[in-house]
Protein backbone atom coordinates (compact mmCIF):
# COMPACT_ATOMS: atom_id res chain seq x y z
CA UNK A 1 -16.61 -102.59 -86.27
CA UNK A 2 -18.39 -100.49 -83.70
CA UNK A 3 -19.08 -96.85 -84.58
CA UNK A 4 -17.22 -94.31 -82.41
CA UNK A 5 -20.25 -92.01 -82.56
CA UNK A 6 -23.20 -92.33 -80.19
CA UNK A 7 -26.44 -93.62 -81.70
CA UNK A 8 -28.84 -91.01 -83.00
CA UNK A 9 -31.87 -90.32 -80.84
CA UNK A 10 -33.86 -88.50 -83.52
CA UNK A 11 -36.26 -90.20 -85.89
CA UNK A 12 -35.59 -90.05 -89.65
CA UNK A 13 -36.79 -86.82 -91.24
CA UNK A 14 -37.06 -84.95 -87.94
CA UNK A 15 -35.93 -81.33 -87.61
CA UNK A 16 -35.99 -78.87 -84.71
CA UNK A 17 -35.33 -75.14 -85.12
CA UNK A 18 -35.34 -72.65 -82.23
CA UNK A 19 -34.54 -69.02 -82.97
CA UNK A 20 -33.61 -66.85 -79.99
CA UNK A 21 -32.58 -63.22 -79.54
CA UNK A 22 -29.12 -62.53 -78.19
CA UNK A 23 -28.87 -59.17 -76.40
CA UNK A 24 -29.29 -56.56 -77.51
CA UNK A 25 -30.97 -57.52 -80.82
CA UNK A 26 -29.08 -60.30 -82.60
CA UNK A 27 -31.09 -63.37 -83.70
CA UNK A 28 -29.26 -66.68 -83.20
CA UNK A 29 -30.21 -70.32 -83.78
CA UNK A 30 -30.36 -71.73 -80.29
CA UNK A 31 -31.22 -75.18 -81.66
CA UNK A 32 -30.80 -76.52 -85.19
CA UNK A 33 -31.00 -80.28 -85.68
CA UNK A 34 -32.13 -82.43 -88.59
CA UNK A 35 -31.86 -85.97 -89.88
CA UNK A 36 -32.04 -87.61 -93.30
CA UNK A 37 -33.92 -87.06 -95.62
CA UNK A 38 -34.39 -83.54 -94.24
CA UNK A 39 -31.61 -80.99 -94.57
CA UNK A 40 -31.52 -77.48 -93.08
CA UNK A 41 -28.98 -74.89 -94.24
CA UNK A 42 -28.46 -71.50 -92.60
CA UNK A 43 -27.53 -68.67 -94.95
CA UNK A 44 -26.26 -65.15 -94.37
CA UNK A 45 -28.84 -63.01 -92.55
CA UNK A 46 -30.41 -59.90 -93.99
CA UNK A 47 -29.49 -56.80 -91.99
CA UNK A 48 -32.29 -54.47 -91.00
CA UNK A 49 -32.43 -50.83 -90.08
CA UNK A 50 -34.83 -49.83 -87.31
CA UNK A 51 -36.46 -47.37 -89.70
CA UNK A 52 -37.10 -50.03 -92.36
CA UNK A 53 -40.31 -51.37 -90.91
CA UNK A 54 -43.38 -50.09 -92.71
CA UNK A 55 -45.59 -50.55 -89.67
CA UNK A 56 -44.94 -48.45 -86.58
CA UNK A 57 -46.67 -50.92 -84.31
CA UNK A 58 -44.46 -53.76 -85.53
CA UNK A 59 -41.26 -51.71 -85.33
CA UNK A 60 -41.37 -51.30 -81.55
CA UNK A 61 -39.02 -54.28 -81.23
CA UNK A 62 -37.09 -54.72 -84.46
CA UNK A 63 -34.18 -57.19 -84.52
CA UNK A 64 -30.90 -56.19 -86.15
CA UNK A 65 -31.25 -58.84 -88.85
CA UNK A 66 -33.52 -61.46 -90.36
CA UNK A 67 -32.32 -65.05 -90.18
CA UNK A 68 -32.51 -67.04 -93.43
CA UNK A 69 -33.07 -70.80 -93.38
CA UNK A 70 -33.21 -73.10 -96.40
CA UNK A 71 -35.45 -76.15 -96.22
CA UNK A 72 -33.84 -78.80 -98.44
CA UNK A 73 -33.98 -82.50 -99.18
CA UNK A 74 -31.37 -84.80 -100.63
CA UNK A 75 -31.81 -85.15 -104.38
CA UNK A 76 -34.13 -82.15 -104.58
CA UNK A 77 -37.23 -83.98 -103.48
CA UNK A 78 -38.92 -86.58 -101.33
CA UNK A 79 -38.94 -90.28 -102.15
CA UNK A 80 -42.22 -92.15 -101.96
CA UNK A 81 -42.89 -93.00 -98.32
CA UNK A 82 -40.65 -90.30 -96.77
CA UNK A 83 -41.94 -88.56 -93.63
CA UNK A 84 -40.74 -85.09 -92.66
CA UNK A 85 -41.47 -83.67 -89.20
CA UNK A 86 -40.19 -80.12 -88.70
CA UNK A 87 -40.71 -77.94 -85.63
CA UNK A 88 -39.86 -74.22 -85.66
CA UNK A 89 -40.02 -71.92 -82.63
CA UNK A 90 -39.48 -68.15 -82.78
CA UNK A 91 -38.67 -66.32 -79.57
CA UNK A 92 -40.10 -62.84 -78.97
CA UNK A 93 -38.87 -60.11 -81.35
CA UNK A 94 -37.13 -62.52 -83.73
CA UNK A 95 -37.68 -62.72 -87.47
CA UNK A 96 -37.13 -65.66 -89.82
CA UNK A 97 -37.34 -66.30 -93.55
CA UNK A 98 -37.71 -69.91 -94.70
CA UNK A 99 -37.07 -70.69 -98.36
CA UNK A 100 -36.10 -73.50 -100.70
CA UNK A 101 -33.59 -73.66 -103.56
CA UNK A 102 -36.04 -75.09 -106.07
CA UNK A 103 -39.32 -76.91 -106.38
CA UNK A 104 -39.88 -79.76 -103.93
CA UNK A 105 -40.30 -82.83 -106.09
CA UNK A 106 -42.50 -85.68 -104.91
CA UNK A 107 -41.01 -88.73 -106.60
CA UNK A 108 -43.14 -91.64 -107.69
CA UNK A 109 -42.43 -95.09 -106.23
CA UNK A 110 -39.71 -97.08 -107.98
CA UNK A 111 -42.06 -100.05 -108.23
CA UNK A 112 -45.80 -99.70 -108.63
CA UNK A 113 -47.53 -102.56 -106.84
CA UNK A 114 -50.94 -103.69 -108.09
CA UNK A 115 -53.87 -103.27 -105.77
CA UNK A 116 -54.82 -106.49 -103.96
CA UNK A 117 -58.46 -105.63 -103.34
CA UNK A 118 -61.17 -103.47 -104.74
CA UNK A 119 -61.57 -101.69 -101.40
CA UNK A 120 -57.94 -100.52 -101.51
CA UNK A 121 -57.65 -98.34 -104.61
CA UNK A 122 -53.90 -97.75 -104.27
CA UNK A 123 -50.89 -99.30 -102.58
CA UNK A 124 -48.58 -96.35 -103.35
CA UNK A 125 -46.86 -95.18 -100.13
CA UNK A 126 -47.84 -91.69 -98.99
CA UNK A 127 -45.13 -89.06 -98.70
CA UNK A 128 -45.83 -86.82 -95.70
CA UNK A 129 -44.55 -83.50 -94.47
CA UNK A 130 -45.66 -82.05 -91.13
CA UNK A 131 -44.66 -78.57 -90.01
CA UNK A 132 -45.43 -77.04 -86.61
CA UNK A 133 -44.49 -73.42 -85.93
CA UNK A 134 -44.71 -71.30 -82.78
CA UNK A 135 -44.46 -67.53 -83.22
CA UNK A 136 -44.07 -65.49 -80.03
CA UNK A 137 -44.91 -61.84 -79.41
CA UNK A 138 -43.43 -59.38 -81.95
CA UNK A 139 -41.85 -62.30 -83.85
CA UNK A 140 -42.45 -62.81 -87.57
CA UNK A 141 -42.10 -65.63 -90.08
CA UNK A 142 -42.15 -65.55 -93.86
CA UNK A 143 -42.49 -69.04 -95.35
CA UNK A 144 -41.83 -68.79 -99.08
CA UNK A 145 -41.00 -72.16 -100.65
CA UNK A 146 -40.96 -72.90 -104.36
CA UNK A 147 -43.98 -74.76 -105.74
CA UNK A 148 -44.44 -78.41 -104.85
CA UNK A 149 -44.06 -80.63 -107.92
CA UNK A 150 -45.70 -84.05 -107.52
CA UNK A 151 -44.69 -86.62 -110.14
CA UNK A 152 -47.16 -88.95 -111.82
CA UNK A 153 -48.48 -91.76 -109.57
CA UNK A 154 -47.17 -90.09 -106.40
CA UNK A 155 -49.18 -89.48 -103.22
CA UNK A 156 -48.49 -86.58 -100.86
CA UNK A 157 -50.01 -85.21 -97.65
CA UNK A 158 -48.94 -81.99 -95.95
CA UNK A 159 -50.00 -80.44 -92.66
CA UNK A 160 -48.79 -77.03 -91.46
CA UNK A 161 -49.88 -75.77 -88.05
CA UNK A 162 -48.99 -72.26 -86.89
CA UNK A 163 -49.45 -71.01 -83.32
CA UNK A 164 -49.18 -67.22 -83.34
CA UNK A 165 -49.29 -64.73 -80.48
CA UNK A 166 -51.46 -62.37 -82.52
CA UNK A 167 -52.39 -60.03 -79.68
CA UNK A 168 -48.71 -59.72 -78.81
CA UNK A 169 -47.80 -58.62 -82.34
CA UNK A 170 -46.80 -61.95 -83.90
CA UNK A 171 -46.93 -62.04 -87.70
CA UNK A 172 -47.05 -64.78 -90.31
CA UNK A 173 -46.89 -64.84 -94.09
CA UNK A 174 -46.83 -68.01 -96.15
CA UNK A 175 -47.02 -69.16 -99.75
CA UNK A 176 -48.31 -72.67 -100.43
CA UNK A 177 -48.58 -73.82 -104.04
CA UNK A 178 -48.64 -77.00 -106.10
CA UNK A 179 -48.06 -77.53 -109.83
CA UNK A 180 -49.45 -80.07 -112.27
CA UNK A 181 -46.20 -82.10 -112.33
CA UNK A 182 -43.52 -82.45 -114.98
CA UNK A 183 -45.14 -80.47 -117.77
CA UNK A 184 -42.07 -80.98 -120.00
CA UNK A 185 -42.88 -84.69 -119.99
CA UNK A 186 -46.55 -84.12 -120.63
CA UNK A 187 -47.74 -84.71 -117.06
CA UNK A 188 -50.94 -82.89 -116.21
CA UNK A 189 -52.27 -83.60 -112.72
CA UNK A 190 -51.46 -87.30 -113.03
CA UNK A 191 -50.47 -87.91 -109.41
CA UNK A 192 -52.68 -90.16 -107.32
CA UNK A 193 -53.34 -87.64 -104.57
CA UNK A 194 -52.22 -84.35 -103.05
CA UNK A 195 -53.60 -83.09 -99.74
CA UNK A 196 -52.59 -79.92 -97.96
CA UNK A 197 -53.88 -78.29 -94.77
CA UNK A 198 -52.88 -75.01 -93.11
CA UNK A 199 -54.09 -74.11 -89.64
CA UNK A 200 -53.52 -70.83 -87.78
CA UNK A 201 -54.13 -70.75 -84.04
CA UNK A 202 -54.13 -67.66 -81.86
CA UNK A 203 -52.24 -68.37 -78.62
CA UNK A 204 -52.32 -64.83 -77.24
CA UNK A 205 -52.13 -64.40 -73.49
CA UNK A 206 -54.99 -62.89 -71.54
CA UNK A 207 -55.39 -61.68 -67.97
CA UNK A 208 -58.03 -63.41 -65.89
CA UNK A 209 -59.16 -62.29 -62.47
CA UNK A 210 -59.20 -64.68 -59.53
CA UNK A 211 -61.78 -62.69 -57.60
CA UNK A 212 -64.34 -65.10 -56.30
CA UNK A 213 -61.81 -67.95 -56.22
CA UNK A 214 -60.01 -67.12 -52.99
CA UNK A 215 -59.11 -70.75 -52.40
CA UNK A 216 -56.78 -70.64 -55.41
CA UNK A 217 -54.98 -67.46 -54.40
CA UNK A 218 -55.31 -63.97 -53.06
CA UNK A 219 -58.67 -62.35 -53.80
CA UNK A 220 -58.44 -59.93 -56.70
CA UNK A 221 -55.16 -61.39 -57.93
CA UNK A 222 -54.73 -61.65 -61.69
CA UNK A 223 -52.96 -64.35 -63.61
CA UNK A 224 -51.96 -64.77 -67.25
CA UNK A 225 -53.60 -67.51 -69.27
CA UNK A 226 -52.93 -68.67 -72.79
CA UNK A 227 -55.99 -69.63 -74.77
CA UNK A 228 -55.68 -71.55 -78.03
CA UNK A 229 -58.24 -70.32 -80.55
CA UNK A 230 -58.55 -71.48 -84.15
CA UNK A 231 -58.38 -68.56 -86.57
CA UNK A 232 -58.19 -70.31 -89.91
CA UNK A 233 -58.19 -73.81 -91.37
CA UNK A 234 -57.51 -73.95 -95.10
CA UNK A 235 -57.42 -77.24 -97.01
CA UNK A 236 -56.76 -78.28 -100.59
CA UNK A 237 -57.55 -81.82 -101.72
CA UNK A 238 -56.62 -82.98 -105.22
CA UNK A 239 -57.55 -86.64 -105.56
CA UNK A 240 -60.15 -86.86 -108.34
CA UNK A 241 -59.35 -89.37 -111.10
CA UNK A 242 -60.80 -86.84 -113.56
CA UNK A 243 -58.78 -83.93 -112.20
CA UNK A 244 -57.13 -82.91 -115.53
CA UNK A 245 -60.56 -82.27 -117.04
CA UNK A 246 -61.78 -80.26 -114.06
CA UNK A 247 -59.02 -77.67 -113.60
CA UNK A 248 -60.03 -75.52 -116.60
CA UNK A 249 -56.55 -75.57 -118.13
CA UNK A 250 -54.75 -74.36 -114.99
CA UNK A 251 -51.29 -75.77 -114.29
CA UNK A 252 -50.75 -74.46 -110.77
CA UNK A 253 -52.82 -73.61 -107.71
CA UNK A 254 -51.59 -71.46 -104.83
CA UNK A 255 -52.53 -69.88 -101.53
CA UNK A 256 -51.10 -66.87 -99.71
CA UNK A 257 -52.01 -66.33 -96.05
CA UNK A 258 -51.11 -63.12 -94.21
CA UNK A 259 -51.75 -62.22 -90.58
CA UNK A 260 -50.20 -59.88 -88.03
CA UNK A 261 -49.12 -56.22 -87.88
CA UNK A 262 -45.87 -56.57 -89.83
CA UNK A 263 -47.67 -58.00 -92.86
CA UNK A 264 -50.84 -55.91 -92.62
CA UNK A 265 -49.67 -53.46 -95.35
CA UNK A 266 -49.21 -56.36 -97.77
CA UNK A 267 -52.55 -57.85 -96.74
CA UNK A 268 -54.33 -54.54 -97.35
CA UNK A 269 -52.55 -54.22 -100.69
CA UNK A 270 -53.96 -57.53 -101.93
CA UNK A 271 -57.46 -56.56 -100.80
CA UNK A 272 -57.32 -53.17 -102.51
CA UNK A 273 -55.93 -54.63 -105.74
CA UNK A 274 -58.66 -57.24 -105.77
CA UNK A 275 -61.28 -54.51 -105.35
CA UNK A 276 -59.83 -52.70 -108.37
CA UNK A 277 -60.28 -55.69 -110.70
CA UNK A 278 -62.82 -55.03 -113.47
CA UNK A 279 -66.19 -56.67 -112.91
CA UNK A 280 -68.38 -58.05 -115.68
CA UNK A 281 -71.21 -55.62 -116.40
CA UNK A 282 -70.17 -53.29 -113.60
CA UNK A 283 -69.71 -49.57 -113.93
CA UNK A 284 -66.61 -48.01 -112.45
CA UNK A 285 -68.11 -45.25 -110.30
CA UNK A 286 -64.64 -44.14 -109.19
CA UNK A 287 -63.39 -43.52 -112.72
CA UNK A 288 -63.47 -39.75 -112.22
CA UNK A 289 -61.19 -40.11 -109.17
CA UNK A 290 -58.50 -42.07 -111.01
CA UNK A 291 -55.48 -40.14 -112.31
CA UNK A 292 -55.56 -39.46 -116.02
CA UNK A 293 -52.51 -39.96 -118.19
CA UNK A 294 -50.83 -36.68 -119.02
CA UNK A 295 -50.29 -35.63 -122.63
CA UNK A 296 -46.80 -34.31 -121.88
CA UNK A 297 -44.05 -36.92 -122.06
CA UNK A 298 -41.47 -34.81 -120.23
CA UNK A 299 -43.40 -34.62 -116.95
CA UNK A 300 -42.71 -37.02 -114.09
CA UNK A 301 -45.83 -39.06 -113.20
CA UNK A 302 -47.06 -38.92 -109.66
CA UNK A 303 -47.07 -42.02 -107.47
CA UNK A 304 -50.79 -42.48 -108.06
CA UNK A 305 -50.29 -42.27 -111.83
CA UNK A 306 -47.37 -44.71 -111.69
CA UNK A 307 -49.40 -47.18 -109.65
CA UNK A 308 -52.32 -46.93 -112.07
CA UNK A 309 -50.01 -47.61 -115.03
CA UNK A 310 -48.51 -50.60 -113.21
CA UNK A 311 -52.00 -51.93 -112.40
CA UNK A 312 -53.09 -51.69 -116.02
CA UNK A 313 -50.03 -53.56 -117.27
CA UNK A 314 -50.45 -56.21 -114.58
CA UNK A 315 -54.06 -56.83 -115.48
CA UNK A 316 -53.13 -57.20 -119.13
CA UNK A 317 -50.45 -59.72 -118.18
CA UNK A 318 -52.98 -61.60 -116.05
CA UNK A 319 -55.12 -62.16 -119.14
CA UNK A 320 -52.12 -63.39 -121.14
CA UNK A 321 -51.02 -65.86 -118.44
CA UNK A 322 -54.52 -67.00 -117.53
CA UNK A 323 -54.26 -65.73 -113.95
CA UNK A 324 -57.33 -66.20 -111.77
CA UNK A 325 -57.22 -64.91 -108.21
CA UNK A 326 -59.29 -63.76 -105.30
CA UNK A 327 -58.63 -62.27 -101.84
CA UNK A 328 -60.72 -62.21 -98.68
CA UNK A 329 -60.41 -61.19 -95.05
CA UNK A 330 -61.09 -64.15 -92.75
CA UNK A 331 -61.14 -63.39 -89.01
CA UNK A 332 -58.22 -60.98 -89.23
CA UNK A 333 -56.22 -63.02 -91.74
CA UNK A 334 -56.12 -62.28 -95.46
CA UNK A 335 -56.31 -65.34 -97.69
CA UNK A 336 -55.36 -65.08 -101.36
CA UNK A 337 -56.19 -67.90 -103.77
CA UNK A 338 -54.67 -67.94 -107.25
CA UNK A 339 -54.16 -70.14 -110.28
CA UNK A 340 -52.31 -69.88 -113.59
CA UNK A 341 -51.79 -71.88 -116.76
CA UNK A 342 -48.06 -72.26 -116.09
CA UNK A 343 -45.71 -72.00 -113.14
CA UNK A 344 -43.78 -69.14 -114.74
CA UNK A 345 -46.93 -67.06 -115.10
CA UNK A 346 -47.80 -67.59 -111.43
CA UNK A 347 -44.29 -66.56 -110.37
CA UNK A 348 -44.40 -63.41 -112.50
CA UNK A 349 -47.79 -62.41 -111.06
CA UNK A 350 -46.97 -63.12 -107.41
CA UNK A 351 -43.50 -61.61 -107.73
CA UNK A 352 -44.94 -58.46 -109.25
CA UNK A 353 -47.41 -58.08 -106.39
CA UNK A 354 -44.80 -58.65 -103.67
CA UNK A 355 -42.21 -56.35 -105.25
CA UNK A 356 -44.69 -53.55 -105.93
CA UNK A 357 -45.87 -53.46 -102.32
CA UNK A 358 -42.36 -53.99 -100.89
CA UNK A 359 -42.90 -55.42 -97.39
CA UNK A 360 -41.36 -58.86 -98.02
CA UNK A 361 -38.18 -57.60 -99.66
CA UNK A 362 -37.71 -54.84 -97.11
CA UNK A 363 -38.61 -56.63 -93.89
CA UNK A 364 -37.58 -60.23 -94.72
CA UNK A 365 -34.74 -59.73 -97.20
CA UNK A 366 -34.07 -61.01 -100.73
CA UNK A 367 -34.49 -64.58 -99.50
CA UNK A 368 -38.20 -63.96 -99.14
CA UNK A 369 -38.47 -63.33 -102.89
CA UNK A 370 -36.44 -66.34 -104.07
CA UNK A 371 -39.60 -68.38 -104.66
CA UNK A 372 -40.74 -65.97 -107.41
CA UNK A 373 -37.46 -65.79 -109.32
């Protein structure tokens, strides 16, 4: 029997998302398509007030709400050999939060085939996920998925490319993390391979003069050109057969990348907190400037005192959970690298940092914090 529906023109695992701004300031999904095994679900948006933005430069064009999109897969994960191709485009002055409803599981193949030659170490199909994002002027994206959980014997490759109009006020924040596998079943980095790459490209427009090129136009005329410039390329490759013995007891690795005016307060917060970490053999020359705890219990601590108390408790918790982290400014982007013994410890640490600073919850809604719950 012939199907009454027209044949699909999209390839399996393909998704296209285009977020536009309906006048005066309402974000709407102009395009939202997906095909198996990819599933996209739109949730209720987070309403914003024009005074909520913590950065005056970024609040010049604030939308009325933040769209929330869940990136899902059937069965809670990707089967060996699945390919996901997702394209997201944000129009000027739009804002989007992308989240998941749980860890993305990378399932092992149902049948492990023996290798047929010594030059081919594995015949396990590679599961791939490719994401390409375009962020226009004054637009912002927060990509906060739960940790990726590769099962034993699985192979996974991920590429995420972001084109951001940085000069026009585009902003990007992303969390990218991978765990050791199913720790409840004793798996500790037993997958065959995990590769991840994040690239950030600046596609800001620039004015170029045509003076001296009269044959192309009127002398002195100016035109707008878009130049694509690589800002950051960050890669993580986990393929060593001796990986469990080389991770120093860590059960999860993660990366946070922040760029753009809307997320600059959070980026500066990570840098300042990293500077405040105790150094081995170092003297704290700013100790006399730090607020001292008051002897009276009925007085209300100042904001500086409260922050210092929070910092002390956080650093104690970092020792308990085996948190290791660092932060650096790379060509205008702040890159945070972290690791923990367990997934829960990483979520507690990252959630504490994001909630203490406040930008994600305020400017991207509760959906931006779902990955740390």
